């Protein structure tokens, strides 16, 4: 009898602790796994999430299709995901974790590099094309929509003709390295704002900053 009541109380406790879907957010930083990609421009999504994790003493755990950790802030739960599928198959990981965690599509934010923006420029959007970005292209294919929130981090287009791949997969230069800490701090503010103030307020506050 006691064990029955014990199980009942335990079940009620678990149900009570379940997080309402609208208070859960999936924040996906795009990048490629492996040491050789660690400090490349293409991996800015990973870098932003690593910076947040370091600030808040969070530890990523390797789980299905990615490295994952959870960050709680002002009553919201942010699931931070670094896909382990390599950039071109990012959509598989995004779709899996959306379903697993029952996160509404409007609570998804994908962080990616953007060649069309000056270095460090922030642009948050609710929809758009993939812009030739293979990670976004796969996410669009897997989710079957272009209407998902993305946070584009400018890496500029300071490369000579035919050198785009080398540039994107190259490491930050000395001047960029100096400016990155401040830009990463601002990027973390974008994530927090997305979860607490909403996408529209976040766009108004941070776009172009």
N, C-alpha and C. Protein backbone atom coordinates (compact mmCIF):
# COMPACT_ATOMS: atom_id res chain seq x y z
N UNK A 1 0.83 -1.21 0.00
CA UNK A 1 0.00 0.00 0.00
C UNK A 1 0.86 1.26 0.00
N UNK A 2 1.88 1.24 0.87
CA UNK A 2 2.77 2.39 0.96
C UNK A 2 3.50 2.64 -0.35
N UNK A 3 3.96 1.51 -0.95
CA UNK A 3 4.70 1.67 -2.21
C UNK A 3 3.80 2.23 -3.30
N UNK A 4 2.50 1.86 -3.26
CA UNK A 4 1.55 2.39 -4.24
C UNK A 4 1.44 3.91 -4.10
N UNK A 5 1.27 4.38 -2.84
CA UNK A 5 1.17 5.82 -2.60
C UNK A 5 2.48 6.54 -2.93
N UNK A 6 3.58 5.83 -2.65
CA UNK A 6 4.88 6.40 -2.98
C UNK A 6 5.02 6.64 -4.47
N UNK A 7 4.57 5.64 -5.24
CA UNK A 7 4.64 5.77 -6.70
C UNK A 7 3.72 6.88 -7.20
N UNK A 8 2.53 6.99 -6.57
CA UNK A 8 1.56 8.00 -6.95
C UNK A 8 2.11 9.41 -6.72
N UNK A 9 2.71 9.61 -5.55
CA UNK A 9 3.30 10.92 -5.22
C UNK A 9 4.44 11.24 -6.18
N UNK A 10 5.26 10.21 -6.47
CA UNK A 10 6.39 10.40 -7.39
C UNK A 10 5.89 10.81 -8.78
N UNK A 11 4.81 10.13 -9.23
CA UNK A 11 4.23 10.43 -10.54
C UNK A 11 3.70 11.87 -10.58
N UNK A 12 3.00 12.27 -9.50
CA UNK A 12 2.44 13.62 -9.44
C UNK A 12 3.55 14.66 -9.44
N UNK A 13 4.65 14.33 -8.77
CA UNK A 13 5.79 15.25 -8.71
C UNK A 13 6.39 15.45 -10.09
N UNK A 14 6.54 14.35 -10.84
CA UNK A 14 7.09 14.43 -12.19
C UNK A 14 6.17 15.27 -13.08
N UNK A 15 4.85 15.02 -12.98
CA UNK A 15 3.90 15.77 -13.81
C UNK A 15 3.95 17.25 -13.48
N UNK A 16 4.11 17.55 -12.17
CA UNK A 16 4.17 18.94 -11.73
C UNK A 16 5.41 19.64 -12.30
N UNK A 17 6.50 18.89 -12.45
CA UNK A 17 7.76 19.47 -12.91
C UNK A 17 7.85 19.61 -14.43
N UNK A 18 6.88 19.06 -15.14
CA UNK A 18 6.91 19.17 -16.59
C UNK A 18 6.83 20.64 -16.99
N UNK A 19 7.65 21.01 -17.96
CA UNK A 19 7.73 22.41 -18.37
C UNK A 19 6.69 22.68 -19.46
N UNK A 20 5.88 23.74 -19.30
CA UNK A 20 4.92 24.08 -20.35
C UNK A 20 5.65 24.35 -21.66
N UNK A 21 5.14 23.83 -22.79
CA UNK A 21 5.83 23.98 -24.08
C UNK A 21 6.21 25.41 -24.43
N UNK A 22 5.35 26.38 -24.09
CA UNK A 22 5.65 27.76 -24.47
C UNK A 22 6.79 28.37 -23.66
N UNK A 23 7.22 27.67 -22.61
CA UNK A 23 8.35 28.17 -21.82
C UNK A 23 9.64 27.44 -22.14
N UNK A 24 9.59 26.60 -23.18
CA UNK A 24 10.79 25.86 -23.61
C UNK A 24 11.26 26.40 -24.95
N UNK A 25 12.57 26.54 -25.07
CA UNK A 25 13.16 27.09 -26.28
C UNK A 25 14.32 26.21 -26.73
N UNK A 26 14.39 25.96 -28.03
CA UNK A 26 15.52 25.21 -28.58
C UNK A 26 16.43 26.19 -29.30
N UNK A 27 17.64 26.34 -28.79
CA UNK A 27 18.62 27.24 -29.37
C UNK A 27 19.70 26.39 -30.03
N UNK A 28 19.79 26.48 -31.34
CA UNK A 28 20.71 25.63 -32.10
C UNK A 28 21.86 26.47 -32.66
N UNK A 29 23.07 26.12 -32.29
CA UNK A 29 24.25 26.76 -32.86
C UNK A 29 24.80 25.86 -33.95
N UNK A 30 24.92 26.38 -35.16
CA UNK A 30 25.41 25.56 -36.26
C UNK A 30 26.94 25.56 -36.32
N UNK A 31 27.48 24.43 -36.74
CA UNK A 31 28.93 24.30 -36.86
C UNK A 31 29.30 22.89 -37.28
N UNK A 32 30.58 22.65 -37.38
CA UNK A 32 31.11 21.33 -37.70
C UNK A 32 31.88 20.80 -36.50
N UNK A 33 31.75 19.50 -36.21
CA UNK A 33 32.46 18.92 -35.07
C UNK A 33 33.92 18.63 -35.44
N UNK A 34 34.76 18.59 -34.42
CA UNK A 34 36.17 18.26 -34.63
C UNK A 34 37.07 19.45 -34.39
N UNK A 35 38.28 19.20 -33.85
CA UNK A 35 39.23 20.27 -33.50
C UNK A 35 39.59 21.19 -34.66
N UNK A 36 39.67 20.65 -35.88
CA UNK A 36 40.12 21.50 -37.00
C UNK A 36 39.11 22.58 -37.36
N UNK A 37 37.86 22.40 -36.92
CA UNK A 37 36.83 23.40 -37.22
C UNK A 37 36.55 24.33 -36.04
N UNK A 38 37.15 24.04 -34.91
CA UNK A 38 36.79 24.69 -33.65
C UNK A 38 36.74 26.21 -33.73
N UNK A 39 37.77 26.84 -34.27
CA UNK A 39 37.86 28.30 -34.25
C UNK A 39 37.62 28.92 -35.63
N UNK A 40 36.85 28.24 -36.46
CA UNK A 40 36.59 28.76 -37.81
C UNK A 40 35.35 29.67 -37.82
N UNK A 41 35.27 30.50 -38.84
CA UNK A 41 34.13 31.42 -38.97
C UNK A 41 32.81 30.66 -39.10
N UNK A 42 32.85 29.54 -39.79
CA UNK A 42 31.64 28.74 -40.03
C UNK A 42 31.07 28.19 -38.73
N UNK A 43 31.88 28.15 -37.68
CA UNK A 43 31.47 27.56 -36.40
C UNK A 43 31.00 28.58 -35.38
N UNK A 44 30.60 29.76 -35.84
CA UNK A 44 30.20 30.80 -34.89
C UNK A 44 29.01 30.35 -34.03
N UNK A 45 28.13 29.51 -34.59
CA UNK A 45 26.99 29.01 -33.81
C UNK A 45 27.44 28.23 -32.59
N UNK A 46 28.42 27.34 -32.80
CA UNK A 46 29.00 26.59 -31.67
C UNK A 46 29.64 27.56 -30.68
N UNK A 47 30.35 28.55 -31.21
CA UNK A 47 31.13 29.46 -30.37
C UNK A 47 30.21 30.28 -29.45
N UNK A 48 29.08 30.72 -29.98
CA UNK A 48 28.13 31.48 -29.17
C UNK A 48 27.60 30.62 -28.01
N UNK A 49 27.22 29.38 -28.31
CA UNK A 49 26.69 28.50 -27.26
C UNK A 49 27.77 28.11 -26.26
N UNK A 50 28.99 27.91 -26.73
CA UNK A 50 30.10 27.61 -25.81
C UNK A 50 30.35 28.79 -24.87
N UNK A 51 30.23 30.00 -25.39
CA UNK A 51 30.44 31.21 -24.59
C UNK A 51 29.37 31.31 -23.50
N UNK A 52 28.11 31.06 -23.88
CA UNK A 52 27.02 31.08 -22.90
C UNK A 52 27.23 30.00 -21.84
N UNK A 53 27.60 28.80 -22.29
CA UNK A 53 27.83 27.69 -21.35
C UNK A 53 28.94 28.02 -20.36
N UNK A 54 29.99 28.66 -20.85
CA UNK A 54 31.11 29.03 -19.98
C UNK A 54 30.68 30.08 -18.97
N UNK A 55 29.91 31.06 -19.43
CA UNK A 55 29.43 32.12 -18.54
C UNK A 55 28.56 31.58 -17.41
N UNK A 56 27.74 30.59 -17.73
CA UNK A 56 26.76 30.08 -16.78
C UNK A 56 27.17 28.74 -16.15
N UNK A 57 28.41 28.34 -16.37
CA UNK A 57 28.95 27.08 -15.82
C UNK A 57 28.10 25.86 -16.21
N UNK A 58 27.74 25.80 -17.48
CA UNK A 58 26.96 24.68 -18.02
C UNK A 58 27.90 23.68 -18.68
N UNK A 59 27.51 22.42 -18.68
CA UNK A 59 28.33 21.38 -19.31
C UNK A 59 27.52 20.68 -20.40
N UNK A 60 28.07 20.65 -21.60
CA UNK A 60 27.42 19.93 -22.69
C UNK A 60 27.62 18.43 -22.53
N UNK A 61 26.58 17.67 -22.85
CA UNK A 61 26.67 16.21 -22.85
C UNK A 61 26.40 15.71 -24.26
N UNK A 62 27.16 14.73 -24.69
CA UNK A 62 26.96 14.15 -26.01
C UNK A 62 25.74 13.24 -25.97
N UNK A 63 24.72 13.60 -26.74
CA UNK A 63 23.51 12.80 -26.82
C UNK A 63 23.22 12.51 -28.29
N UNK A 64 22.03 12.02 -28.58
CA UNK A 64 21.71 11.66 -29.96
C UNK A 64 21.76 12.88 -30.87
N UNK A 65 22.57 12.81 -31.90
CA UNK A 65 22.69 13.82 -32.96
C UNK A 65 23.26 15.16 -32.51
N UNK A 66 23.82 15.20 -31.28
CA UNK A 66 24.43 16.47 -30.89
C UNK A 66 24.88 16.54 -29.44
N UNK A 67 25.54 17.64 -29.12
CA UNK A 67 25.93 17.95 -27.74
C UNK A 67 24.87 18.90 -27.19
N UNK A 68 24.37 18.59 -26.00
CA UNK A 68 23.20 19.29 -25.45
C UNK A 68 23.44 19.70 -24.00
N UNK A 69 22.91 20.87 -23.65
CA UNK A 69 22.85 21.27 -22.25
C UNK A 69 21.59 22.11 -22.06
N UNK A 70 21.20 22.31 -20.81
CA UNK A 70 19.99 23.07 -20.50
C UNK A 70 20.33 24.28 -19.64
N UNK A 71 19.75 25.41 -20.01
CA UNK A 71 19.98 26.66 -19.29
C UNK A 71 18.63 27.22 -18.83
N UNK A 72 18.49 27.48 -17.54
CA UNK A 72 17.24 28.04 -17.01
C UNK A 72 17.45 29.51 -16.67
N UNK A 73 16.50 30.33 -17.15
CA UNK A 73 16.63 31.78 -16.98
C UNK A 73 15.24 32.42 -16.95
N UNK A 74 14.95 33.10 -15.85
CA UNK A 74 13.68 33.82 -15.69
C UNK A 74 12.45 32.97 -16.02
N UNK A 75 12.43 31.77 -15.49
CA UNK A 75 11.28 30.90 -15.68
C UNK A 75 11.23 30.19 -17.03
N UNK A 76 12.23 30.44 -17.86
CA UNK A 76 12.31 29.78 -19.16
C UNK A 76 13.38 28.70 -19.15
N UNK A 77 13.19 27.70 -19.99
CA UNK A 77 14.18 26.64 -20.15
C UNK A 77 14.71 26.68 -21.57
N UNK A 78 16.01 26.89 -21.70
CA UNK A 78 16.66 26.94 -23.00
C UNK A 78 17.43 25.64 -23.20
N UNK A 79 17.07 24.89 -24.23
CA UNK A 79 17.83 23.69 -24.58
C UNK A 79 18.84 24.12 -25.64
N UNK A 80 20.11 24.03 -25.31
CA UNK A 80 21.18 24.46 -26.22
C UNK A 80 21.70 23.24 -26.95
N UNK A 81 21.71 23.32 -28.26
CA UNK A 81 22.10 22.17 -29.09
C UNK A 81 23.20 22.53 -30.09
N UNK A 82 24.26 21.71 -30.07
CA UNK A 82 25.31 21.79 -31.10
C UNK A 82 25.24 20.48 -31.88
N UNK A 83 24.64 20.50 -33.07
CA UNK A 83 24.48 19.24 -33.83
C UNK A 83 25.82 18.58 -34.13
N UNK A 84 25.83 17.25 -34.07
CA UNK A 84 27.05 16.48 -34.37
C UNK A 84 26.97 15.84 -35.76
N UNK A 85 26.05 16.34 -36.56
CA UNK A 85 25.78 15.74 -37.88
C UNK A 85 26.63 16.35 -38.99
N UNK A 86 27.48 17.31 -38.65
CA UNK A 86 28.15 18.18 -39.61
C UNK A 86 27.13 19.13 -40.22
N UNK A 87 27.62 20.26 -40.67
CA UNK A 87 26.77 21.37 -41.11
C UNK A 87 25.68 20.95 -42.10
N UNK A 88 26.07 20.17 -43.12
CA UNK A 88 25.15 19.89 -44.21
C UNK A 88 23.95 19.03 -43.83
N UNK A 89 23.99 18.42 -42.64
CA UNK A 89 22.87 17.59 -42.19
C UNK A 89 22.28 18.12 -40.88
N UNK A 90 22.41 19.41 -40.65
CA UNK A 90 21.95 20.02 -39.39
C UNK A 90 20.46 19.80 -39.14
N UNK A 91 19.67 19.77 -40.20
CA UNK A 91 18.22 19.66 -40.07
C UNK A 91 17.76 18.42 -39.34
N UNK A 92 18.50 17.34 -39.50
CA UNK A 92 18.14 16.08 -38.85
C UNK A 92 18.16 16.24 -37.33
N UNK A 93 19.20 16.89 -36.83
CA UNK A 93 19.32 17.11 -35.38
C UNK A 93 18.27 18.09 -34.89
N UNK A 94 18.06 19.16 -35.64
CA UNK A 94 17.07 20.17 -35.25
C UNK A 94 15.68 19.54 -35.14
N UNK A 95 15.30 18.79 -36.16
CA UNK A 95 13.98 18.17 -36.18
C UNK A 95 13.81 17.17 -35.03
N UNK A 96 14.85 16.37 -34.79
CA UNK A 96 14.79 15.37 -33.73
C UNK A 96 14.57 16.03 -32.36
N UNK A 97 15.34 17.07 -32.06
CA UNK A 97 15.26 17.69 -30.73
C UNK A 97 13.99 18.53 -30.56
N UNK A 98 13.49 19.09 -31.63
CA UNK A 98 12.19 19.76 -31.55
C UNK A 98 11.11 18.78 -31.11
N UNK A 99 11.12 17.60 -31.75
CA UNK A 99 10.11 16.58 -31.45
C UNK A 99 10.33 15.99 -30.05
N UNK A 100 11.56 15.66 -29.75
CA UNK A 100 11.87 15.02 -28.46
C UNK A 100 11.47 15.91 -27.28
N UNK A 101 11.79 17.19 -27.38
CA UNK A 101 11.52 18.11 -26.27
C UNK A 101 10.17 18.80 -26.38
N UNK A 102 9.43 18.48 -27.47
CA UNK A 102 8.10 19.08 -27.69
C UNK A 102 8.17 20.61 -27.65
N UNK A 103 9.16 21.14 -28.36
CA UNK A 103 9.32 22.60 -28.44
C UNK A 103 8.55 23.12 -29.65
N UNK A 104 7.68 24.12 -29.47
CA UNK A 104 6.95 24.69 -30.61
C UNK A 104 7.93 25.31 -31.61
N UNK A 105 7.60 25.22 -32.89
CA UNK A 105 8.50 25.74 -33.93
C UNK A 105 8.84 27.21 -33.71
N UNK A 106 7.88 27.97 -33.21
CA UNK A 106 8.14 29.41 -32.99
C UNK A 106 9.13 29.66 -31.86
N UNK A 107 9.46 28.61 -31.09
CA UNK A 107 10.45 28.75 -30.01
C UNK A 107 11.82 28.20 -30.41
N UNK A 108 12.00 28.01 -31.70
CA UNK A 108 13.31 27.58 -32.24
C UNK A 108 14.09 28.81 -32.69
N UNK A 109 15.37 28.84 -32.35
CA UNK A 109 16.28 29.89 -32.84
C UNK A 109 17.56 29.22 -33.33
N UNK A 110 17.90 29.44 -34.59
CA UNK A 110 19.09 28.84 -35.20
C UNK A 110 20.16 29.92 -35.39
N UNK A 111 21.35 29.68 -34.85
CA UNK A 111 22.45 30.64 -34.94
C UNK A 111 23.42 30.21 -36.04
N UNK A 112 23.67 31.12 -36.97
CA UNK A 112 24.50 30.77 -38.12
C UNK A 112 25.38 31.93 -38.57
N UNK A 113 26.42 31.61 -39.32
CA UNK A 113 27.29 32.64 -39.90
C UNK A 113 26.63 33.21 -41.16
N UNK A 114 26.99 34.46 -41.50
CA UNK A 114 26.43 35.09 -42.70
C UNK A 114 27.50 35.93 -43.39
N UNK A 115 27.80 35.54 -44.62
CA UNK A 115 28.81 36.24 -45.43
C UNK A 115 28.35 37.62 -45.88
N UNK A 116 27.04 37.82 -45.92
CA UNK A 116 26.49 39.06 -46.46
C UNK A 116 26.41 40.19 -45.45
N UNK A 117 26.85 39.94 -44.23
CA UNK A 117 26.82 40.96 -43.19
C UNK A 117 28.25 41.28 -42.74
N UNK A 118 28.52 42.55 -42.43
CA UNK A 118 29.85 42.90 -41.91
C UNK A 118 30.15 42.13 -40.64
N UNK A 119 31.43 41.94 -40.35
CA UNK A 119 31.83 41.15 -39.18
C UNK A 119 31.11 41.61 -37.91
N UNK A 120 30.55 40.65 -37.19
CA UNK A 120 29.94 40.92 -35.89
C UNK A 120 28.55 41.49 -35.92
N UNK A 121 28.04 41.82 -37.13
CA UNK A 121 26.69 42.38 -37.23
C UNK A 121 25.66 41.30 -36.89
N UNK A 122 24.64 41.70 -36.15
CA UNK A 122 23.58 40.78 -35.73
C UNK A 122 22.32 41.05 -36.54
N UNK A 123 21.74 39.99 -37.06
CA UNK A 123 20.44 40.12 -37.73
C UNK A 123 19.56 38.93 -37.37
N UNK A 124 18.47 39.21 -36.67
CA UNK A 124 17.51 38.18 -36.28
C UNK A 124 16.31 38.27 -37.21
N UNK A 125 15.87 37.13 -37.75
CA UNK A 125 14.75 37.11 -38.69
C UNK A 125 13.81 35.96 -38.34
N UNK A 126 12.55 36.09 -38.75
CA UNK A 126 11.56 35.05 -38.47
C UNK A 126 11.41 34.07 -39.63
N UNK A 127 11.99 34.42 -40.78
CA UNK A 127 11.89 33.54 -41.96
C UNK A 127 12.90 34.01 -42.99
N UNK A 128 12.98 33.31 -44.09
CA UNK A 128 13.89 33.72 -45.16
C UNK A 128 14.45 32.53 -45.91
N UNK A 129 15.18 32.84 -46.97
CA UNK A 129 15.79 31.77 -47.77
C UNK A 129 17.04 31.26 -47.05
N UNK A 130 17.60 30.18 -47.59
CA UNK A 130 18.83 29.65 -46.97
C UNK A 130 20.06 30.47 -47.34
N UNK A 131 19.93 31.35 -48.35
CA UNK A 131 21.05 32.21 -48.75
C UNK A 131 22.28 31.45 -49.18
N UNK A 132 22.08 30.21 -49.64
CA UNK A 132 23.22 29.39 -50.07
C UNK A 132 23.93 28.71 -48.93
N UNK A 133 23.39 28.82 -47.72
CA UNK A 133 24.01 28.20 -46.55
C UNK A 133 23.52 26.76 -46.43
N UNK A 134 24.43 25.81 -46.48
CA UNK A 134 24.03 24.39 -46.49
C UNK A 134 23.33 23.93 -45.21
N UNK A 135 23.71 24.51 -44.09
CA UNK A 135 23.05 24.14 -42.84
C UNK A 135 21.59 24.57 -42.85
N UNK A 136 21.34 25.81 -43.25
CA UNK A 136 19.97 26.32 -43.33
C UNK A 136 19.17 25.58 -44.39
N UNK A 137 19.84 25.23 -45.46
CA UNK A 137 19.18 24.50 -46.55
C UNK A 137 18.62 23.16 -46.04
N UNK A 138 19.41 22.46 -45.24
CA UNK A 138 18.97 21.16 -44.73
C UNK A 138 17.88 21.32 -43.67
N UNK A 139 17.98 22.36 -42.85
CA UNK A 139 16.94 22.61 -41.85
C UNK A 139 15.60 22.89 -42.54
N UNK A 140 15.66 23.71 -43.58
CA UNK A 140 14.45 24.02 -44.35
C UNK A 140 13.84 22.75 -44.95
N UNK A 141 14.68 21.87 -45.46
CA UNK A 141 14.20 20.63 -46.07
C UNK A 141 13.58 19.71 -45.02
N UNK A 142 14.21 19.61 -43.86
CA UNK A 142 13.72 18.72 -42.80
C UNK A 142 12.43 19.24 -42.15
N UNK A 143 12.35 20.56 -41.97
CA UNK A 143 11.17 21.14 -41.32
C UNK A 143 10.06 21.45 -42.32
N UNK A 144 10.44 21.43 -43.60
CA UNK A 144 9.50 21.70 -44.69
C UNK A 144 8.90 23.11 -44.58
N UNK A 145 9.72 24.05 -44.17
CA UNK A 145 9.28 25.44 -44.08
C UNK A 145 10.49 26.37 -44.04
N UNK A 146 10.28 27.61 -44.49
CA UNK A 146 11.32 28.63 -44.36
C UNK A 146 11.00 29.55 -43.18
N UNK A 147 9.86 29.26 -42.51
CA UNK A 147 9.41 30.11 -41.41
C UNK A 147 9.90 29.58 -40.07
N UNK A 148 11.14 29.83 -39.79
CA UNK A 148 11.70 29.52 -38.47
C UNK A 148 12.70 30.62 -38.14
N UNK A 149 12.86 30.91 -36.86
CA UNK A 149 13.70 32.02 -36.43
C UNK A 149 15.18 31.70 -36.62
N UNK A 150 15.88 32.66 -37.18
CA UNK A 150 17.33 32.48 -37.31
C UNK A 150 18.06 33.75 -36.87
N UNK A 151 19.21 33.52 -36.30
CA UNK A 151 20.08 34.59 -35.80
C UNK A 151 21.35 34.53 -36.64
N UNK A 152 21.48 35.49 -37.55
CA UNK A 152 22.63 35.53 -38.46
C UNK A 152 23.73 36.41 -37.85
N UNK A 153 24.92 35.86 -37.77
CA UNK A 153 26.09 36.56 -37.23
C UNK A 153 27.02 36.87 -38.40
N UNK A 154 27.26 38.15 -38.66
CA UNK A 154 28.06 38.54 -39.81
C UNK A 154 29.52 38.13 -39.71
N UNK A 155 30.03 37.52 -40.79
CA UNK A 155 31.46 37.18 -40.83
C UNK A 155 32.14 37.93 -41.98
N UNK A 156 31.38 38.82 -42.67
CA UNK A 156 31.85 39.64 -43.79
C UNK A 156 32.25 38.78 -44.99
N UNK A 157 32.63 39.44 -46.06
CA UNK A 157 33.00 38.70 -47.29
C UNK A 157 34.36 39.17 -47.81
N UNK A 158 35.29 39.30 -46.87
CA UNK A 158 36.63 39.79 -47.22
C UNK A 158 37.52 38.68 -47.78
N UNK A 159 37.10 38.10 -48.87
CA UNK A 159 37.92 37.05 -49.49
C UNK A 159 38.02 37.31 -50.99
N UNK A 160 39.10 36.84 -51.58
CA UNK A 160 39.29 37.03 -53.02
C UNK A 160 38.49 35.99 -53.81
N UNK A 161 38.32 36.24 -55.07
CA UNK A 161 37.50 35.38 -55.94
C UNK A 161 37.95 33.92 -55.87
N UNK A 162 36.97 33.04 -55.69
CA UNK A 162 37.28 31.61 -55.65
C UNK A 162 37.78 31.11 -54.31
N UNK A 163 37.84 32.00 -53.31
CA UNK A 163 38.39 31.61 -52.00
C UNK A 163 37.32 31.55 -50.90
N UNK A 164 36.07 31.50 -51.28
CA UNK A 164 35.00 31.54 -50.29
C UNK A 164 35.07 30.39 -49.28
N UNK A 165 35.27 29.18 -49.77
CA UNK A 165 35.31 28.02 -48.87
C UNK A 165 36.48 28.13 -47.89
N UNK A 166 37.64 28.53 -48.40
CA UNK A 166 38.81 28.70 -47.53
C UNK A 166 38.54 29.76 -46.46
N UNK A 167 37.85 30.82 -46.86
CA UNK A 167 37.56 31.92 -45.94
C UNK A 167 36.59 31.47 -44.84
N UNK A 168 35.50 30.84 -45.25
CA UNK A 168 34.48 30.40 -44.30
C UNK A 168 35.04 29.36 -43.33
N UNK A 169 35.86 28.46 -43.85
CA UNK A 169 36.44 27.41 -43.01
C UNK A 169 37.80 27.83 -42.43
N UNK A 170 38.13 29.11 -42.61
CA UNK A 170 39.36 29.64 -42.04
C UNK A 170 39.13 30.18 -40.64
N UNK A 171 40.21 30.46 -39.92
CA UNK A 171 40.10 30.96 -38.55
C UNK A 171 40.01 32.48 -38.54
N UNK A 172 39.51 33.02 -37.45
CA UNK A 172 39.36 34.46 -37.29
C UNK A 172 40.73 35.14 -37.35
N UNK A 173 40.77 36.33 -37.93
CA UNK A 173 42.05 37.04 -37.96
C UNK A 173 42.26 37.77 -36.62
N UNK A 174 43.40 38.39 -36.48
CA UNK A 174 43.78 38.99 -35.19
C UNK A 174 42.79 40.06 -34.73
N UNK A 175 42.35 40.91 -35.64
CA UNK A 175 41.43 41.99 -35.30
C UNK A 175 40.06 41.43 -34.90
N UNK A 176 39.61 40.41 -35.61
CA UNK A 176 38.32 39.77 -35.28
C UNK A 176 38.38 39.11 -33.91
N UNK A 177 39.50 38.47 -33.62
CA UNK A 177 39.68 37.82 -32.32
C UNK A 177 39.54 38.83 -31.18
N UNK A 178 40.06 40.04 -31.38
CA UNK A 178 39.97 41.08 -30.35
C UNK A 178 38.53 41.50 -30.10
N UNK A 179 37.75 41.53 -31.18
CA UNK A 179 36.37 42.02 -31.08
C UNK A 179 35.36 40.93 -30.69
N UNK A 180 35.75 39.68 -30.85
CA UNK A 180 34.81 38.57 -30.61
C UNK A 180 34.19 38.53 -29.21
N UNK A 181 34.97 38.72 -28.12
CA UNK A 181 34.36 38.61 -26.79
C UNK A 181 33.15 39.52 -26.60
N UNK A 182 33.26 40.77 -27.06
CA UNK A 182 32.14 41.71 -26.92
C UNK A 182 30.96 41.27 -27.77
N UNK A 183 31.24 40.77 -28.98
CA UNK A 183 30.19 40.32 -29.89
C UNK A 183 29.50 39.05 -29.35
N UNK A 184 30.27 38.19 -28.72
CA UNK A 184 29.70 36.97 -28.14
C UNK A 184 28.81 37.31 -26.94
N UNK A 185 29.24 38.29 -26.16
CA UNK A 185 28.44 38.74 -25.02
C UNK A 185 27.10 39.29 -25.52
N UNK A 186 27.14 40.08 -26.59
CA UNK A 186 25.92 40.63 -27.18
C UNK A 186 25.03 39.51 -27.73
N UNK A 187 25.64 38.49 -28.29
CA UNK A 187 24.90 37.35 -28.84
C UNK A 187 24.14 36.59 -27.75
N UNK A 188 24.75 36.48 -26.57
CA UNK A 188 24.08 35.83 -25.44
C UNK A 188 22.87 36.65 -25.02
N UNK A 189 23.00 37.97 -25.07
CA UNK A 189 21.86 38.84 -24.75
C UNK A 189 20.71 38.60 -25.73
N UNK A 190 21.04 38.37 -26.99
CA UNK A 190 20.02 38.08 -28.01
C UNK A 190 19.23 36.83 -27.63
N UNK A 191 19.94 35.78 -27.23
CA UNK A 191 19.30 34.52 -26.85
C UNK A 191 18.36 34.72 -25.67
N UNK A 192 18.84 35.41 -24.64
CA UNK A 192 18.01 35.65 -23.45
C UNK A 192 16.77 36.48 -23.81
N UNK A 193 16.97 37.48 -24.63
CA UNK A 193 15.86 38.33 -25.06
C UNK A 193 14.83 37.55 -25.86
N UNK A 194 15.29 36.66 -26.71
CA UNK A 194 14.39 35.83 -27.53
C UNK A 194 13.43 35.05 -26.64
N UNK A 195 13.94 34.50 -25.55
CA UNK A 195 13.11 33.70 -24.66
C UNK A 195 12.24 34.50 -23.72
N UNK A 196 12.67 35.71 -23.37
CA UNK A 196 11.94 36.47 -22.36
C UNK A 196 11.13 37.63 -22.94
N UNK A 197 11.64 38.27 -23.99
CA UNK A 197 10.95 39.44 -24.56
C UNK A 197 10.23 39.13 -25.87
N UNK A 198 10.57 37.97 -26.47
CA UNK A 198 9.91 37.60 -27.73
C UNK A 198 10.72 38.00 -28.95
N UNK A 199 10.39 37.38 -30.08
CA UNK A 199 11.16 37.57 -31.31
C UNK A 199 11.08 39.00 -31.84
N UNK A 200 9.89 39.62 -31.81
CA UNK A 200 9.75 40.96 -32.38
C UNK A 200 10.54 42.01 -31.60
N UNK A 201 10.44 41.95 -30.28
CA UNK A 201 11.22 42.88 -29.45
C UNK A 201 12.72 42.66 -29.63
N UNK A 202 13.10 41.40 -29.78
CA UNK A 202 14.51 41.07 -29.97
C UNK A 202 15.03 41.64 -31.29
N UNK A 203 14.24 41.51 -32.35
CA UNK A 203 14.64 42.09 -33.64
C UNK A 203 14.79 43.60 -33.54
N UNK A 204 13.82 44.24 -32.88
CA UNK A 204 13.86 45.71 -32.76
C UNK A 204 15.05 46.18 -31.93
N UNK A 205 15.40 45.41 -30.93
CA UNK A 205 16.48 45.81 -30.02
C UNK A 205 17.87 45.56 -30.58
N UNK A 206 18.05 44.42 -31.28
CA UNK A 206 19.41 43.99 -31.61
C UNK A 206 19.78 44.05 -33.10
N UNK A 207 18.82 44.08 -33.99
CA UNK A 207 19.20 44.05 -35.41
C UNK A 207 20.06 45.25 -35.81
N UNK A 208 21.19 44.93 -36.43
CA UNK A 208 22.11 45.98 -36.88
C UNK A 208 23.07 46.44 -35.82
N UNK A 209 22.90 45.91 -34.60
CA UNK A 209 23.78 46.32 -33.48
C UNK A 209 25.11 45.57 -33.50
